[in-house]
Amino acid sequence: MSIYSRITGTGSFLPPRRLTNADLVAELAASGVESSDDWIVERTGIRARHFVDAGVNSSDLALQACQRALDAAGVQASEIDLIIVGTSTPDMVFPSTACILQGKLGIHGGAAFDVQAVCSGFIYALTIADALIKAGTAKKALVVGAEVFSRILDFKDRTTCVLFGDGAGAVVLEASEQPGILATDIHANGKYTDILCVPGHVAGGQVSGSPLLQMDGQAVFKLAVGVLDEAARAVLAKAGRTDADIDWLIPHQANIRIMQSTARKLKMSMDKVVVTVDQHGNTSAASIPLALDAAVRSGRVQAGQTVLLEGVGGGFTWGAVLLKM
């Protein structure tokens, strides 16, 4: 008998502090940085984002999202035997945020580790969890994306600091006799490491290099549109499906223009694209599970529907997952 994996519950959490564009623009102006609501919306589609308060870490956001996913799946934390967290903003250098999260959930014994693929982190994590479940290594997994990007933003750079937000999303992925995840496809090209990066690191008790996000927006946009279409075509081919079989597209929530371009290439109406970037900003590895949970809880994404998840991020990394809910 073949073993498959299926998402049985979703959850998400946004920190309470919400900043509209007007709020953020006012804070930037106090520091001598000019921006405007019109400028941000026109270029990105973002209208608001959430930032954590001091002392709140990625594992704290992840814990809330996981508890909601577990409740939705009707699964106890003690049943979880695998935790994978996609994050670029871990609580500390080590141990992993996944291990910290495991401790906060009050469980132990199962494997727990982080995946660092930036905005593709959830896609990578879901792909790995699917493989481990199919191999019989795990039966019930928490797959998480959690970020506190507000901690690594340069608030003197208006081209990047207006883009990102904090949050977490999670799914419970369980072994199943019926296919849930239909196909996965992940890639990277290290030639493009410089176009989106945080080049600093800890050395000798000090930060060596810049600890703040740097991005070549035009280069990222150009690459993202092409590779997202390639990944979508790849998972559809692997699963023996066509773009007409997709009920919902849930892309990484980075920029509305990238999402619109992807939908056009797949001949999909934007009515079938889940959009949360306007209210969440770019939450990196958390953006796809956040959007998935929002769509599930609003009743848009329903059991039996075919959903395409896809993401692209620094590295340069990209990938897609085709699944049946």
Protein backbone atom coordinates (compact mmCIF):
# COMPACT_ATOMS: atom_id res chain seq x y z
CA MET A 1 0.00 0.00 0.00
CA SER A 2 1.37 3.40 -1.01
CA ILE A 3 1.81 6.09 1.61
CA TYR A 4 0.88 9.66 0.77
CA SER A 5 0.78 12.90 2.75
CA ARG A 6 -2.19 15.20 3.18
CA ILE A 7 -2.77 18.55 4.88
CA THR A 8 -5.37 18.01 7.60
CA GLY A 9 -5.25 21.37 9.38
CA THR A 10 -4.03 24.94 8.85
CA GLY A 11 -3.27 27.76 11.25
CA SER A 12 -1.72 31.21 11.27
CA PHE A 13 -0.85 34.08 13.57
CA LEU A 14 -0.09 37.76 13.08
CA PRO A 15 1.37 39.91 15.85
CA PRO A 16 -1.17 42.45 17.16
CA ARG A 17 0.77 45.55 16.11
CA ARG A 18 -0.62 46.52 12.69
CA LEU A 19 0.91 49.35 10.67
CA THR A 20 -0.90 50.81 7.70
CA ASN A 21 1.13 52.53 5.04
CA ALA A 22 0.18 55.86 6.62
CA ASP A 23 1.49 54.66 10.00
CA LEU A 24 4.78 53.49 8.53
CA VAL A 25 5.22 56.57 6.37
CA ALA A 26 4.79 58.76 9.46
CA GLU A 27 7.43 56.77 11.35
CA LEU A 28 9.82 56.97 8.41
CA ALA A 29 9.28 60.72 8.04
CA ALA A 30 10.35 61.20 11.65
CA SER A 31 13.68 59.65 10.62
CA GLY A 32 13.98 61.78 7.49
CA VAL A 33 12.92 59.05 5.02
CA GLU A 34 10.28 59.99 2.46
CA SER A 35 7.60 57.65 1.14
CA SER A 36 3.84 57.65 0.58
CA ASP A 37 0.85 55.36 0.58
CA ASP A 38 0.39 55.86 -3.17
CA TRP A 39 4.04 55.02 -3.88
CA ILE A 40 3.87 51.79 -1.87
CA VAL A 41 0.51 50.61 -3.21
CA GLU A 42 1.36 51.36 -6.84
CA ARG A 43 4.60 49.37 -6.76
CA THR A 44 3.67 46.52 -4.45
CA GLY A 45 -0.04 46.34 -3.65
CA ILE A 46 0.80 46.48 0.07
CA ARG A 47 -1.47 48.55 2.33
CA ALA A 48 -0.56 47.24 5.80
CA ARG A 49 1.71 44.85 7.66
CA HIS A 50 2.22 43.51 11.20
CA PHE A 51 5.35 43.97 13.33
CA VAL A 52 6.28 42.14 16.51
CA ASP A 53 6.90 43.91 19.81
CA ALA A 54 10.22 43.74 21.60
CA GLY A 55 10.96 40.29 23.01
CA VAL A 56 8.70 38.39 20.62
CA ASN A 57 10.50 35.84 18.44
CA SER A 58 9.73 33.60 15.48
CA SER A 59 9.07 30.63 17.76
CA ASP A 60 6.42 32.62 19.64
CA LEU A 61 4.54 33.34 16.41
CA ALA A 62 5.02 29.75 15.26
CA LEU A 63 3.60 28.38 18.51
CA GLN A 64 0.34 30.27 18.03
CA ALA A 65 0.03 29.19 14.39
CA CYS A 66 0.78 25.55 15.27
CA GLN A 67 -1.77 25.45 18.05
CA ARG A 68 -4.43 26.67 15.64
CA ALA A 69 -3.38 24.14 12.99
CA LEU A 70 -3.46 21.32 15.54
CA ASP A 71 -6.94 22.36 16.65
CA ALA A 72 -8.14 22.45 13.05
CA ALA A 73 -6.73 18.96 12.40
CA GLY A 74 -8.04 17.51 15.66
CA VAL A 75 -4.52 16.37 16.50
CA GLN A 76 -2.75 16.53 19.86
CA ALA A 77 0.75 18.00 19.99
CA SER A 78 1.95 14.71 21.52
CA GLU A 79 1.10 12.96 18.23
CA ILE A 80 3.54 15.08 16.22
CA ASP A 81 6.73 13.26 15.27
CA LEU A 82 8.28 15.82 12.91
CA ILE A 83 8.61 19.62 13.01
CA ILE A 84 10.14 21.60 10.15
CA VAL A 85 10.30 25.39 10.37
CA GLY A 86 11.07 27.53 7.35
CA THR A 87 12.64 30.76 8.62
CA SER A 88 15.32 33.32 7.83
CA THR A 89 14.89 35.00 11.21
CA PRO A 90 15.53 32.25 13.78
CA ASP A 91 15.38 32.94 17.51
CA MET A 92 19.13 32.38 17.79
CA VAL A 93 22.10 31.00 15.86
CA PHE A 94 21.37 27.60 17.39
CA PRO A 95 19.55 25.54 18.43
CA SER A 96 16.98 25.64 15.66
CA THR A 97 13.71 27.50 16.01
CA ALA A 98 12.04 24.12 15.38
CA CYS A 99 13.67 22.67 18.51
CA ILE A 100 12.66 25.73 20.52
CA LEU A 101 9.12 25.38 19.17
CA GLN A 102 9.07 21.70 20.07
CA GLY A 103 9.94 22.60 23.66
CA LYS A 104 7.20 25.23 23.78
CA LEU A 105 4.71 22.64 22.53
CA GLY A 106 5.75 20.40 25.43
CA ILE A 107 6.75 17.46 23.27
CA HIS A 108 9.97 15.62 22.48
CA GLY A 109 11.45 12.70 20.57
CA GLY A 110 10.47 13.52 17.00
CA ALA A 111 12.85 15.18 14.56
CA ALA A 112 12.89 18.98 14.56
CA PHE A 113 14.93 21.26 12.32
CA ASP A 114 14.89 24.51 10.37
CA VAL A 115 15.01 25.06 6.61
CA GLN A 116 16.70 28.21 5.31
CA ALA A 117 15.43 28.96 1.82
CA VAL A 118 14.16 32.49 2.60
CA CYS A 119 10.79 33.15 0.92
CA SER A 120 10.74 29.63 -0.55
CA GLY A 121 11.22 28.17 2.92
CA PHE A 122 7.71 26.81 3.35
CA ILE A 123 7.75 25.17 -0.09
CA TYR A 124 11.09 23.53 0.71
CA ALA A 125 9.87 22.45 4.17
CA LEU A 126 6.63 20.98 2.80
CA THR A 127 8.58 19.10 0.13
CA ILE A 128 10.90 17.58 2.74
CA ALA A 129 8.06 16.67 5.09
CA ASP A 130 6.17 15.01 2.23
CA ALA A 131 9.24 12.91 1.39
CA LEU A 132 9.82 11.88 5.01
CA ILE A 133 6.20 10.83 5.44
CA LYS A 134 6.23 8.86 2.20
CA ALA A 135 9.43 7.14 3.36
CA GLY A 136 7.73 6.11 6.61
CA THR A 137 10.06 8.23 8.76
CA ALA A 138 7.19 10.33 10.15
CA LYS A 139 3.41 10.07 10.38
CA LYS A 140 2.26 13.48 11.58
CA ALA A 141 4.24 16.64 10.96
CA LEU A 142 4.00 20.32 11.69
CA VAL A 143 5.31 22.31 8.74
CA VAL A 144 5.77 25.96 9.60
CA GLY A 145 6.83 29.28 8.13
CA ALA A 146 7.66 31.92 10.76
CA GLU A 147 9.40 35.28 10.38
CA VAL A 148 10.22 38.50 12.23
CA PHE A 149 11.61 40.39 9.26
CA SER A 150 11.09 43.73 11.00
CA ARG A 151 14.30 42.94 12.91
CA ILE A 152 16.47 42.88 9.79
CA LEU A 153 15.05 45.84 7.84
CA ASP A 154 16.98 49.00 7.02
CA PHE A 155 14.47 51.73 7.82
CA LYS A 156 16.60 54.24 5.91
CA ASP A 157 15.99 52.30 2.68
CA ARG A 158 12.46 53.04 1.54
CA THR A 159 12.70 50.54 -1.32
CA THR A 160 12.85 47.59 1.09
CA CYS A 161 11.56 48.56 4.54
CA VAL A 162 8.01 49.11 3.30
CA LEU A 163 7.78 45.61 1.82
CA PHE A 164 8.04 43.21 4.73
CA GLY A 165 6.04 42.11 7.74
CA ASP A 166 6.06 39.56 10.55
CA GLY A 167 3.88 36.49 11.01
CA ALA A 168 3.63 32.71 11.02
CA GLY A 169 1.63 30.01 9.30
CA ALA A 170 1.53 26.26 9.84
CA VAL A 171 -0.04 23.08 8.53
CA VAL A 172 -0.46 19.62 9.97
CA LEU A 173 0.70 17.12 7.37
CA GLU A 174 -0.34 13.51 7.97
CA ALA A 175 0.29 10.14 6.37
CA SER A 176 -2.70 9.11 4.27
CA GLU A 177 -3.89 6.32 1.98
CA GLN A 178 -5.23 9.00 -0.37
CA PRO A 179 -2.99 11.43 -2.28
CA GLY A 180 -2.85 14.95 -0.85
CA ILE A 181 0.42 16.37 -2.09
CA LEU A 182 0.39 15.47 -5.79
CA ALA A 183 3.81 16.78 -6.84
CA THR A 184 6.66 19.02 -5.68
CA ASP A 185 9.46 20.85 -7.47
CA ILE A 186 12.29 22.82 -5.83
CA HIS A 187 15.37 24.53 -7.26
CA ALA A 188 18.12 27.05 -6.53
CA ASN A 189 20.73 29.08 -8.39
CA GLY A 190 23.53 30.35 -6.17
CA LYS A 191 24.79 32.64 -8.93
CA TYR A 192 22.22 35.18 -7.77
CA THR A 193 23.07 35.30 -4.05
CA ASP A 194 23.75 39.04 -4.16
CA ILE A 195 20.38 40.24 -5.45
CA LEU A 196 18.55 39.48 -2.18
CA CYS A 197 20.57 38.90 0.96
CA VAL A 198 21.47 39.81 4.53
CA PRO A 199 25.27 39.50 4.28
CA GLY A 200 26.17 39.89 7.95
CA HIS A 201 27.12 37.14 10.37
CA VAL A 202 28.34 36.74 13.94
CA ALA A 203 32.12 36.59 14.31
CA GLY A 204 34.17 37.07 17.45
CA GLY A 205 31.18 38.28 19.42
CA GLN A 206 30.36 41.01 16.91
CA VAL A 207 28.36 41.36 13.69
CA SER A 208 30.64 41.11 10.68
CA GLY A 209 29.18 42.73 7.58
CA SER A 210 25.69 44.20 7.30
CA PRO A 211 22.93 42.59 9.37
CA LEU A 212 20.22 44.32 7.30
CA LEU A 213 18.34 43.19 4.21
CA GLN A 214 19.64 44.26 0.81
CA MET A 215 17.74 43.76 -2.45
CA ASP A 216 17.99 44.52 -6.15
CA GLY A 217 14.27 44.80 -6.75
CA GLN A 218 14.34 44.84 -10.55
CA ALA A 219 16.59 41.78 -10.74
CA VAL A 220 14.41 39.87 -8.27
CA PHE A 221 11.24 40.77 -10.18
CA LYS A 222 12.67 39.64 -13.51
CA LEU A 223 13.88 36.30 -12.18
CA ALA A 224 10.80 35.63 -10.07
CA VAL A 225 8.31 35.84 -12.92
CA GLY A 226 10.24 33.35 -15.05
CA VAL A 227 11.06 30.71 -12.43
CA LEU A 228 7.57 30.71 -10.90
CA ASP A 229 6.09 29.84 -14.27
CA GLU A 230 8.70 27.10 -14.75
CA ALA A 231 7.98 25.58 -11.33
CA ALA A 232 4.23 25.66 -11.94
CA ARG A 233 4.63 23.86 -15.26
CA ALA A 234 6.94 21.30 -13.67
CA VAL A 235 4.58 20.23 -10.86
CA LEU A 236 1.63 20.11 -13.23
CA ALA A 237 3.57 17.84 -15.58
CA LYS A 238 4.73 15.60 -12.72
CA ALA A 239 1.14 15.23 -11.50
CA GLY A 240 -0.33 14.73 -14.97
CA ARG A 241 -2.45 17.87 -14.64
CA THR A 242 -2.90 21.07 -16.65
CA ASP A 243 -3.40 24.67 -15.59
CA ALA A 244 -7.14 24.14 -16.14
CA ASP A 245 -7.12 21.72 -13.20
CA ILE A 246 -6.00 24.38 -10.70
CA ASP A 247 -8.81 25.62 -8.47
CA TRP A 248 -6.64 28.04 -6.50
CA LEU A 249 -3.22 29.60 -6.89
CA ILE A 250 -1.54 30.59 -3.62
CA PRO A 251 1.77 32.23 -4.48
CA HIS A 252 4.37 33.76 -2.21
CA GLN A 253 2.97 37.15 -1.23
CA ALA A 254 5.81 39.45 -2.28
CA ASN A 255 4.42 41.83 -4.85
CA ILE A 256 1.00 42.02 -6.50
CA ARG A 257 2.57 42.60 -9.91
CA ILE A 258 4.55 39.34 -9.74
CA MET A 259 1.37 37.51 -8.71
CA GLN A 260 -0.63 39.04 -11.55
CA SER A 261 2.04 38.10 -14.07
CA THR A 262 2.11 34.50 -12.79
CA ALA A 263 -1.68 34.25 -13.05
CA ARG A 264 -1.61 35.53 -16.63
CA LYS A 265 0.95 32.92 -17.64
CA LEU A 266 -1.28 30.21 -16.16
CA LYS A 267 -4.35 31.71 -17.85
CA MET A 268 -5.98 32.15 -14.45
CA SER A 269 -8.31 34.91 -13.33
CA MET A 270 -7.13 36.85 -10.29
CA ASP A 271 -10.41 35.72 -8.72
CA LYS A 272 -8.70 32.33 -8.31
CA VAL A 273 -5.54 33.78 -6.76
CA VAL A 274 -5.40 34.12 -2.98
CA VAL A 275 -4.07 37.59 -2.17
CA THR A 276 -3.03 38.65 1.33
CA VAL A 277 -0.01 40.81 0.47
CA ASP A 278 -2.20 43.91 0.77
CA GLN A 279 -2.78 43.28 4.49
CA HIS A 280 0.30 41.25 5.49
CA GLY A 281 3.11 42.59 3.34
CA ASN A 282 5.85 40.12 2.44
CA THR A 283 6.23 37.74 5.40
CA SER A 284 8.84 35.62 3.60
CA ALA A 285 8.54 31.91 4.53
CA ALA A 286 5.32 32.61 6.44
CA SER A 287 3.46 34.15 3.51
CA ILE A 288 2.18 31.00 1.79
CA PRO A 289 0.87 29.21 4.92
CA LEU A 290 -0.62 32.50 6.13
CA ALA A 291 -2.47 32.91 2.84
CA LEU A 292 -3.52 29.25 2.77
CA ASP A 293 -4.99 29.47 6.26
CA ALA A 294 -6.81 32.70 5.42
CA ALA A 295 -8.34 31.06 2.34
CA VAL A 296 -9.35 27.91 4.22
CA ARG A 297 -10.93 29.78 7.11
CA SER A 298 -12.84 32.13 4.78
CA GLY A 299 -14.33 29.10 3.00
CA ARG A 300 -12.67 29.79 -0.34
CA VAL A 301 -10.34 26.79 -0.36
CA GLN A 302 -12.37 23.66 0.32
CA ALA A 303 -11.81 19.91 0.65
CA GLY A 304 -11.26 18.18 -2.68
CA GLN A 305 -9.98 21.26 -4.49
CA THR A 306 -6.61 21.39 -6.26
CA VAL A 307 -4.27 24.10 -5.02
CA LEU A 308 -0.96 25.29 -6.44
CA LEU A 309 1.50 26.75 -3.93
CA GLU A 310 4.65 28.44 -5.22
CA GLY A 311 7.40 30.63 -3.88
CA VAL A 312 10.65 32.33 -4.79
CA GLY A 313 13.28 33.83 -2.51
CA GLY A 314 16.86 34.77 -1.82
CA GLY A 315 19.45 32.21 -2.67
CA PHE A 316 18.12 32.34 -5.35
CA THR A 317 15.55 29.65 -4.48
CA TRP A 318 12.20 28.72 -5.93
CA GLY A 319 9.69 25.90 -6.02
CA ALA A 320 6.09 24.76 -6.16
CA VAL A 321 3.76 22.22 -4.58
CA LEU A 322 0.57 20.93 -6.18
CA LEU A 323 -1.88 19.45 -3.71
CA LYS A 324 -5.43 18.31 -3.21
CA MET A 325 -7.08 19.56 -0.04
